[in-house]
Amino acid sequence: MELLFLRDEDMRQAQILMTLACRSFGSLLDPLLEEMQIGHAHQRILQFVKNEPDISVGALLDILAITKQSMARALHDLLRRGLIHQHTSARDRRMRLLRLTEAGCEMERRLFEKQREVLLRVYRDAGGPAVEGFRRVMQGLIDESNRVAHHRDTVAPGQTQRSRE
């Protein structure tokens, strides 16, 4: 089938599949999150801080695209529980940088392993070409979202940008 000629019905089906897949993939962690007494926002913070040690609070807020209130609530909980360490940047004393503690690394690893098991199984079933196609589609969606956000910020500077700290 030529992709340029996808019918609206096919696009709607893809939209529904994407929504259900995202919901299902996120819910895989629900029992583990409940056991750990954290939520999805906590998990996403742990995930991004693990993958980018010394990320600033402002950069993390931009990546996660959640409200400052949600971020503050989850981040405060993670700090209080000793899962994340926060320190000031040597370059800019106003910037708060985040890094996982040993306990935070262990918690993030357990969460990652749960999703990794499922992804490996699904990737194996789909096969290499399908996985590569999936990666390209996901990257394309991210690129499109970034392009739209950049355009929005260019058209109305300052109106949609959050304060960094």
Protein backbone atom coordinates (compact mmCIF):
# COMPACT_ATOMS: atom_id res chain seq x y z
CA MET A 1 0.00 0.00 0.00
CA GLU A 2 1.35 3.42 -0.94
CA LEU A 3 1.57 5.48 2.24
CA LEU A 4 0.69 8.72 0.48
CA PHE A 5 -2.77 7.34 -0.23
CA LEU A 6 -3.80 6.19 3.25
CA ARG A 7 -7.50 6.52 3.80
CA ASP A 8 -8.94 8.49 6.72
CA GLU A 9 -10.18 5.17 8.11
CA ASP A 10 -6.59 3.87 8.20
CA MET A 11 -5.37 7.05 9.89
CA ARG A 12 -8.14 6.90 12.49
CA GLN A 13 -7.26 3.27 13.21
CA ALA A 14 -3.59 4.26 13.63
CA GLN A 15 -4.63 7.07 15.98
CA ILE A 16 -6.69 4.68 18.12
CA LEU A 17 -3.91 2.06 18.16
CA MET A 18 -1.35 4.69 19.25
CA THR A 19 -3.60 5.88 22.08
CA LEU A 20 -4.33 2.35 23.31
CA ALA A 21 -0.69 1.26 23.00
CA CYS A 22 0.54 4.28 24.99
CA ARG A 23 -2.05 3.64 27.68
CA SER A 24 -1.24 -0.08 27.81
CA PHE A 25 2.52 0.44 27.89
CA GLY A 26 2.18 2.97 30.72
CA SER A 27 -0.13 0.72 32.69
CA LEU A 28 2.42 -2.13 32.62
CA LEU A 29 4.13 -0.35 35.49
CA ASP A 30 1.01 0.27 37.60
CA PRO A 31 1.47 -2.67 40.01
CA LEU A 32 5.16 -1.85 40.51
CA LEU A 33 4.44 1.88 40.91
CA GLU A 34 1.79 1.07 43.50
CA GLU A 35 4.23 -1.17 45.37
CA MET A 36 6.83 1.62 45.30
CA GLN A 37 4.19 4.19 46.26
CA ILE A 38 4.98 6.51 43.39
CA GLY A 39 3.11 7.69 40.31
CA HIS A 40 3.80 7.97 36.61
CA ALA A 41 5.23 11.51 36.99
CA HIS A 42 7.74 10.13 39.52
CA GLN A 43 8.69 7.34 37.09
CA ARG A 44 9.22 9.75 34.20
CA ILE A 45 11.38 12.01 36.36
CA LEU A 46 13.50 9.03 37.43
CA GLN A 47 13.79 7.88 33.81
CA PHE A 48 14.98 11.20 32.43
CA VAL A 49 17.30 12.00 35.33
CA LYS A 50 18.86 8.53 34.94
CA ASN A 51 19.45 9.13 31.24
CA GLU A 52 20.74 12.68 31.70
CA PRO A 53 22.54 13.10 35.04
CA ASP A 54 22.84 16.73 36.18
CA ILE A 55 19.82 17.78 34.12
CA SER A 56 18.43 21.11 35.28
CA VAL A 57 14.97 21.30 36.81
CA GLY A 58 13.94 23.70 34.04
CA ALA A 59 15.14 21.39 31.25
CA LEU A 60 13.35 18.45 32.85
CA LEU A 61 10.18 20.51 33.12
CA ASP A 62 10.40 21.33 29.41
CA ILE A 63 10.99 17.68 28.43
CA LEU A 64 8.16 16.28 30.52
CA ALA A 65 5.74 19.06 29.58
CA ILE A 66 3.92 18.82 32.90
CA THR A 67 2.78 21.64 35.13
CA LYS A 68 5.21 23.18 37.58
CA GLN A 69 2.86 22.06 40.36
CA SER A 70 2.94 18.40 39.28
CA MET A 71 6.70 18.53 38.85
CA ALA A 72 7.22 20.17 42.23
CA ARG A 73 5.03 17.65 44.01
CA ALA A 74 6.70 14.59 42.48
CA LEU A 75 10.23 16.01 42.68
CA HIS A 76 9.80 17.00 46.33
CA ASP A 77 8.64 13.46 47.12
CA LEU A 78 11.63 11.92 45.31
CA LEU A 79 14.03 14.27 47.12
CA ARG A 80 12.40 13.57 50.49
CA ARG A 81 12.68 9.82 49.93
CA GLY A 82 16.36 10.09 49.02
CA LEU A 83 15.92 8.91 45.44
CA ILE A 84 17.20 12.10 43.81
CA HIS A 85 19.97 14.46 44.83
CA GLN A 86 19.68 18.15 43.95
CA HIS A 87 22.63 20.54 43.80
CA THR A 88 23.37 23.96 42.35
CA SER A 89 25.32 24.42 39.16
CA ALA A 90 28.89 25.70 39.48
CA ARG A 91 28.27 27.81 36.33
CA ASP A 92 24.98 29.35 37.39
CA ARG A 93 24.06 29.34 41.07
CA ARG A 94 20.36 29.80 40.18
CA MET A 95 20.25 26.49 38.31
CA ARG A 96 19.29 23.36 40.25
CA LEU A 97 20.72 20.13 38.86
CA LEU A 98 19.36 16.64 39.49
CA ARG A 99 21.07 13.27 39.81
CA LEU A 100 19.77 9.89 40.99
CA THR A 101 21.03 8.48 44.25
CA GLU A 102 21.97 4.82 44.51
CA ALA A 103 18.44 4.04 45.77
CA GLY A 104 16.99 6.08 42.89
CA CYS A 105 19.11 4.16 40.38
CA GLU A 106 17.86 0.86 41.80
CA MET A 107 14.21 1.97 41.64
CA GLU A 108 14.59 3.25 38.08
CA ARG A 109 16.33 -0.01 37.07
CA ARG A 110 13.42 -2.10 38.37
CA LEU A 111 10.93 0.03 36.45
CA PHE A 112 13.05 -0.04 33.28
CA GLU A 113 13.47 -3.83 33.44
CA LYS A 114 9.69 -4.31 33.52
CA GLN A 115 9.21 -2.25 30.36
CA ARG A 116 12.34 -3.73 28.76
CA GLU A 117 10.97 -7.29 29.09
CA VAL A 118 7.79 -6.36 27.25
CA LEU A 119 9.56 -4.31 24.57
CA LEU A 120 12.01 -7.13 23.84
CA ARG A 121 9.18 -9.64 23.47
CA VAL A 122 7.13 -7.35 21.22
CA TYR A 123 10.17 -6.32 19.15
CA ARG A 124 11.14 -9.96 18.60
CA ASP A 125 7.61 -10.81 17.47
CA ALA A 126 7.46 -7.83 15.10
CA GLY A 127 10.88 -8.37 13.51
CA GLY A 128 13.69 -6.03 12.55
CA PRO A 129 12.06 -4.10 9.68
CA ALA A 130 8.94 -3.42 11.76
CA VAL A 131 11.04 -2.21 14.72
CA GLU A 132 13.02 0.12 12.45
CA GLY A 133 9.76 1.43 10.98
CA PHE A 134 8.38 1.96 14.47
CA ARG A 135 11.49 3.92 15.49
CA ARG A 136 11.21 6.10 12.40
CA VAL A 137 7.53 6.81 13.04
CA MET A 138 8.17 7.66 16.72
CA GLN A 139 11.12 9.92 15.82
CA GLY A 140 9.00 11.56 13.13
CA LEU A 141 6.27 12.32 15.66
CA ILE A 142 8.83 13.81 18.05
CA ASP A 143 10.40 15.88 15.27
CA GLU A 144 6.97 17.13 14.17
CA SER A 145 6.07 18.09 17.73
CA ASN A 146 9.39 19.94 18.12
CA ARG A 147 8.85 21.71 14.79
CA VAL A 148 5.38 22.88 15.85
CA ALA A 149 6.67 24.01 19.27
CA HIS A 150 9.56 25.90 17.65
CA HIS A 151 7.17 27.60 15.23
CA ARG A 152 4.82 28.53 18.08
CA ASP A 153 7.70 30.03 20.09
CA THR A 154 8.97 31.93 17.04
CA VAL A 155 5.57 33.40 16.25
CA ALA A 156 4.81 34.51 19.82
CA PRO A 157 8.07 34.67 21.78
CA GLY A 158 7.71 34.44 25.52
CA GLN A 159 4.00 33.65 25.53
CA THR A 160 4.40 29.87 25.65
CA GLN A 161 7.78 29.51 27.28
CA ARG A 162 7.93 28.55 30.93
CA SER A 163 10.20 30.28 33.35
CA ARG A 164 13.26 28.06 33.68
CA GLU A 165 13.37 28.15 37.48
